[in-house]
């Protein structure tokens, strides 16, 4: 699939923006009568879906890591108070 099918700034968009873009493509596809005309839009949607999935996984991983760090910090503080 060619990169030119999606805007160049696509990687800097938020998950909400990407989801909205995907919804717009889906609406466009649902209203299209001729499937021959829809091939490029389907390809865009697949590429967009993959990008959304990667961003979601990265965000999920970051949230998990931040939560883990906060828990470790809280436990460390609790143990320091307990040892005093």
N, C-alpha and C. Protein backbone atom coordinates (compact mmCIF):
# COMPACT_ATOMS: atom_id res chain seq x y z
N UNK A 1 0.84 -1.17 0.00
CA UNK A 1 0.00 0.00 0.00
C UNK A 1 0.89 1.24 0.00
N UNK A 2 0.52 2.23 -0.76
CA UNK A 2 1.33 3.42 -0.89
C UNK A 2 1.08 4.38 0.26
N UNK A 3 2.18 4.98 0.73
CA UNK A 3 2.10 5.92 1.84
C UNK A 3 1.32 7.18 1.46
N UNK A 4 1.27 7.50 0.18
CA UNK A 4 0.61 8.74 -0.22
C UNK A 4 -0.90 8.70 0.01
N UNK A 5 -1.42 7.54 0.35
CA UNK A 5 -2.86 7.43 0.59
C UNK A 5 -3.29 8.12 1.89
N UNK A 6 -2.35 8.31 2.79
CA UNK A 6 -2.66 8.97 4.07
C UNK A 6 -1.88 10.27 4.17
N UNK A 7 -2.40 11.25 4.88
CA UNK A 7 -1.68 12.52 5.05
C UNK A 7 -0.33 12.30 5.73
N UNK A 8 0.61 13.19 5.42
CA UNK A 8 1.96 13.04 5.96
C UNK A 8 2.01 13.22 7.48
N UNK A 9 1.12 14.03 8.04
CA UNK A 9 1.14 14.31 9.48
C UNK A 9 0.36 13.28 10.29
N UNK A 10 0.04 12.16 9.67
CA UNK A 10 -0.81 11.15 10.31
C UNK A 10 -0.19 10.60 11.59
N UNK A 11 1.12 10.47 11.64
CA UNK A 11 1.78 9.91 12.81
C UNK A 11 1.71 10.83 14.03
N UNK A 12 1.49 12.11 13.79
CA UNK A 12 1.43 13.06 14.91
C UNK A 12 0.01 13.22 15.45
N UNK A 13 -0.95 12.58 14.83
CA UNK A 13 -2.35 12.72 15.27
C UNK A 13 -2.62 11.84 16.49
N UNK A 14 -3.58 12.26 17.30
CA UNK A 14 -3.96 11.50 18.49
C UNK A 14 -4.84 10.32 18.09
N UNK A 15 -5.03 9.41 19.04
CA UNK A 15 -5.90 8.27 18.78
C UNK A 15 -7.32 8.72 18.45
N UNK A 16 -7.80 9.74 19.13
CA UNK A 16 -9.14 10.25 18.85
C UNK A 16 -9.26 10.79 17.42
N UNK A 17 -8.23 11.53 16.99
CA UNK A 17 -8.24 12.06 15.63
C UNK A 17 -8.21 10.94 14.60
N UNK A 18 -7.38 9.92 14.86
CA UNK A 18 -7.27 8.80 13.94
C UNK A 18 -8.57 8.01 13.88
N UNK A 19 -9.20 7.83 15.03
CA UNK A 19 -10.48 7.12 15.08
C UNK A 19 -11.55 7.88 14.31
N UNK A 20 -11.56 9.18 14.46
CA UNK A 20 -12.53 10.01 13.73
C UNK A 20 -12.29 9.90 12.22
N UNK A 21 -11.03 9.91 11.82
CA UNK A 21 -10.70 9.77 10.41
C UNK A 21 -11.17 8.41 9.88
N UNK A 22 -10.96 7.35 10.67
CA UNK A 22 -11.41 6.02 10.27
C UNK A 22 -12.93 5.98 10.15
N UNK A 23 -13.63 6.61 11.07
CA UNK A 23 -15.10 6.64 11.01
C UNK A 23 -15.58 7.36 9.75
N UNK A 24 -14.88 8.42 9.38
CA UNK A 24 -15.25 9.14 8.16
C UNK A 24 -15.07 8.27 6.92
N UNK A 25 -13.96 7.52 6.89
CA UNK A 25 -13.72 6.62 5.76
C UNK A 25 -14.80 5.53 5.71
N UNK A 26 -15.16 5.00 6.87
CA UNK A 26 -16.20 3.96 6.93
C UNK A 26 -17.52 4.50 6.41
N UNK A 27 -17.90 5.70 6.82
CA UNK A 27 -19.14 6.30 6.33
C UNK A 27 -19.11 6.47 4.81
N UNK A 28 -17.95 6.89 4.31
CA UNK A 28 -17.79 7.06 2.87
C UNK A 28 -17.94 5.73 2.15
N UNK A 29 -17.34 4.68 2.72
CA UNK A 29 -17.43 3.35 2.11
C UNK A 29 -18.85 2.81 2.15
N UNK A 30 -19.55 3.05 3.23
CA UNK A 30 -20.92 2.55 3.35
C UNK A 30 -21.86 3.21 2.35
N UNK A 31 -21.56 4.44 1.97
CA UNK A 31 -22.44 5.14 1.03
C UNK A 31 -22.06 4.86 -0.43
N UNK A 32 -20.90 4.27 -0.65
CA UNK A 32 -20.43 3.98 -2.01
C UNK A 32 -21.16 2.76 -2.58
N UNK A 33 -21.67 2.91 -3.77
CA UNK A 33 -22.40 1.82 -4.43
C UNK A 33 -21.47 0.91 -5.23
N UNK A 34 -20.46 1.50 -5.82
CA UNK A 34 -19.55 0.77 -6.70
C UNK A 34 -18.29 0.37 -5.92
N UNK A 35 -18.12 -0.93 -5.68
CA UNK A 35 -16.97 -1.41 -4.91
C UNK A 35 -15.64 -1.16 -5.62
N UNK A 36 -15.66 -1.07 -6.93
CA UNK A 36 -14.44 -0.78 -7.69
C UNK A 36 -13.86 0.57 -7.28
N UNK A 37 -14.73 1.51 -6.96
CA UNK A 37 -14.28 2.84 -6.58
C UNK A 37 -13.80 2.88 -5.12
N UNK A 38 -14.00 1.83 -4.39
CA UNK A 38 -13.72 1.83 -2.96
C UNK A 38 -12.37 1.21 -2.59
N UNK A 39 -11.68 0.65 -3.54
CA UNK A 39 -10.44 -0.07 -3.23
C UNK A 39 -9.44 0.80 -2.50
N UNK A 40 -9.22 2.02 -2.99
CA UNK A 40 -8.25 2.92 -2.33
C UNK A 40 -8.69 3.27 -0.92
N UNK A 41 -9.99 3.47 -0.74
CA UNK A 41 -10.49 3.81 0.59
C UNK A 41 -10.32 2.64 1.56
N UNK A 42 -10.55 1.43 1.08
CA UNK A 42 -10.33 0.25 1.92
C UNK A 42 -8.86 0.14 2.32
N UNK A 43 -7.99 0.40 1.38
CA UNK A 43 -6.55 0.35 1.67
C UNK A 43 -6.17 1.41 2.71
N UNK A 44 -6.73 2.61 2.56
CA UNK A 44 -6.48 3.66 3.56
C UNK A 44 -6.95 3.21 4.94
N UNK A 45 -8.14 2.61 4.96
CA UNK A 45 -8.73 2.17 6.22
C UNK A 45 -7.87 1.09 6.88
N UNK A 46 -7.35 0.16 6.11
CA UNK A 46 -6.49 -0.89 6.65
C UNK A 46 -5.21 -0.28 7.22
N UNK A 47 -4.59 0.62 6.48
CA UNK A 47 -3.37 1.29 6.94
C UNK A 47 -3.66 2.08 8.22
N UNK A 48 -4.76 2.79 8.22
CA UNK A 48 -5.16 3.58 9.37
C UNK A 48 -5.43 2.70 10.59
N UNK A 49 -6.09 1.57 10.36
CA UNK A 49 -6.37 0.64 11.44
C UNK A 49 -5.07 0.11 12.06
N UNK A 50 -4.11 -0.22 11.22
CA UNK A 50 -2.81 -0.69 11.74
C UNK A 50 -2.12 0.38 12.56
N UNK A 51 -2.18 1.62 12.09
CA UNK A 51 -1.58 2.73 12.82
C UNK A 51 -2.27 2.95 14.15
N UNK A 52 -3.60 2.89 14.16
CA UNK A 52 -4.37 3.06 15.40
C UNK A 52 -4.00 1.96 16.39
N UNK A 53 -3.90 0.74 15.89
CA UNK A 53 -3.56 -0.39 16.76
C UNK A 53 -2.17 -0.21 17.39
N UNK A 54 -1.19 0.23 16.60
CA UNK A 54 0.17 0.45 17.13
C UNK A 54 0.16 1.56 18.17
N UNK A 55 -0.53 2.66 17.87
CA UNK A 55 -0.59 3.77 18.83
C UNK A 55 -1.28 3.35 20.12
N UNK A 56 -2.36 2.58 19.99
CA UNK A 56 -3.07 2.10 21.16
C UNK A 56 -2.17 1.21 22.02
N UNK A 57 -1.45 0.31 21.38
CA UNK A 57 -0.53 -0.58 22.11
C UNK A 57 0.56 0.22 22.81
N UNK A 58 1.10 1.23 22.13
CA UNK A 58 2.13 2.07 22.75
C UNK A 58 1.57 2.85 23.94
N UNK A 59 0.38 3.41 23.77
CA UNK A 59 -0.24 4.15 24.86
C UNK A 59 -0.55 3.23 26.04
N UNK A 60 -1.03 2.05 25.74
CA UNK A 60 -1.34 1.08 26.79
C UNK A 60 -0.07 0.69 27.54
N UNK A 61 0.99 0.47 26.81
CA UNK A 61 2.27 0.11 27.42
C UNK A 61 2.79 1.24 28.31
N UNK A 62 2.67 2.48 27.82
CA UNK A 62 3.11 3.63 28.61
C UNK A 62 2.30 3.78 29.89
N UNK A 63 1.00 3.58 29.80
CA UNK A 63 0.14 3.66 30.98
C UNK A 63 0.53 2.58 31.99
N UNK A 64 0.75 1.37 31.50
CA UNK A 64 1.14 0.26 32.38
C UNK A 64 2.47 0.55 33.08
N UNK A 65 3.42 1.06 32.31
CA UNK A 65 4.73 1.37 32.89
C UNK A 65 4.64 2.50 33.92
N UNK A 66 3.86 3.52 33.61
CA UNK A 66 3.69 4.63 34.56
C UNK A 66 3.01 4.16 35.83
N UNK A 67 2.01 3.33 35.69
CA UNK A 67 1.31 2.79 36.86
C UNK A 67 2.24 1.94 37.70
N UNK A 68 3.02 1.10 37.05
CA UNK A 68 3.98 0.26 37.76
C UNK A 68 4.99 1.12 38.52
N UNK A 69 5.50 2.16 37.87
CA UNK A 69 6.46 3.06 38.52
C UNK A 69 5.84 3.75 39.73
N UNK A 70 4.59 4.17 39.61
CA UNK A 70 3.91 4.83 40.73
C UNK A 70 3.71 3.87 41.90
N UNK A 71 3.35 2.64 41.59
CA UNK A 71 3.15 1.63 42.65
C UNK A 71 4.46 1.36 43.36
N UNK A 72 5.54 1.21 42.60
CA UNK A 72 6.85 0.96 43.19
C UNK A 72 7.25 2.14 44.08
N UNK A 73 7.00 3.35 43.61
CA UNK A 73 7.33 4.55 44.39
C UNK A 73 6.53 4.60 45.69
N UNK A 74 5.26 4.32 45.62
CA UNK A 74 4.40 4.33 46.81
C UNK A 74 4.85 3.27 47.81
N UNK A 75 5.14 2.08 47.30
CA UNK A 75 5.60 1.00 48.19
C UNK A 75 6.94 1.34 48.82
N UNK A 76 7.80 1.98 48.06
CA UNK A 76 9.10 2.38 48.58
C UNK A 76 8.94 3.41 49.70
N UNK A 77 8.08 4.40 49.48
CA UNK A 77 7.81 5.41 50.50
C UNK A 77 7.19 4.77 51.75
N UNK A 78 6.30 3.85 51.54
CA UNK A 78 5.64 3.16 52.66
C UNK A 78 6.66 2.37 53.47
N UNK A 79 7.56 1.68 52.79
CA UNK A 79 8.59 0.90 53.48
C UNK A 79 9.57 1.81 54.23
N UNK A 80 9.89 2.96 53.67
CA UNK A 80 10.78 3.91 54.34
C UNK A 80 10.14 4.44 55.62
N UNK A 81 8.87 4.74 55.57
CA UNK A 81 8.15 5.22 56.75
C UNK A 81 8.08 4.12 57.81
N UNK A 82 7.88 2.90 57.36
CA UNK A 82 7.75 1.76 58.27
C UNK A 82 9.07 1.47 58.98
N UNK A 83 10.18 1.66 58.29
CA UNK A 83 11.51 1.39 58.85
C UNK A 83 11.99 2.48 59.78
N UNK A 84 11.36 3.63 59.78
CA UNK A 84 11.82 4.74 60.64
C UNK A 84 11.31 4.61 62.03
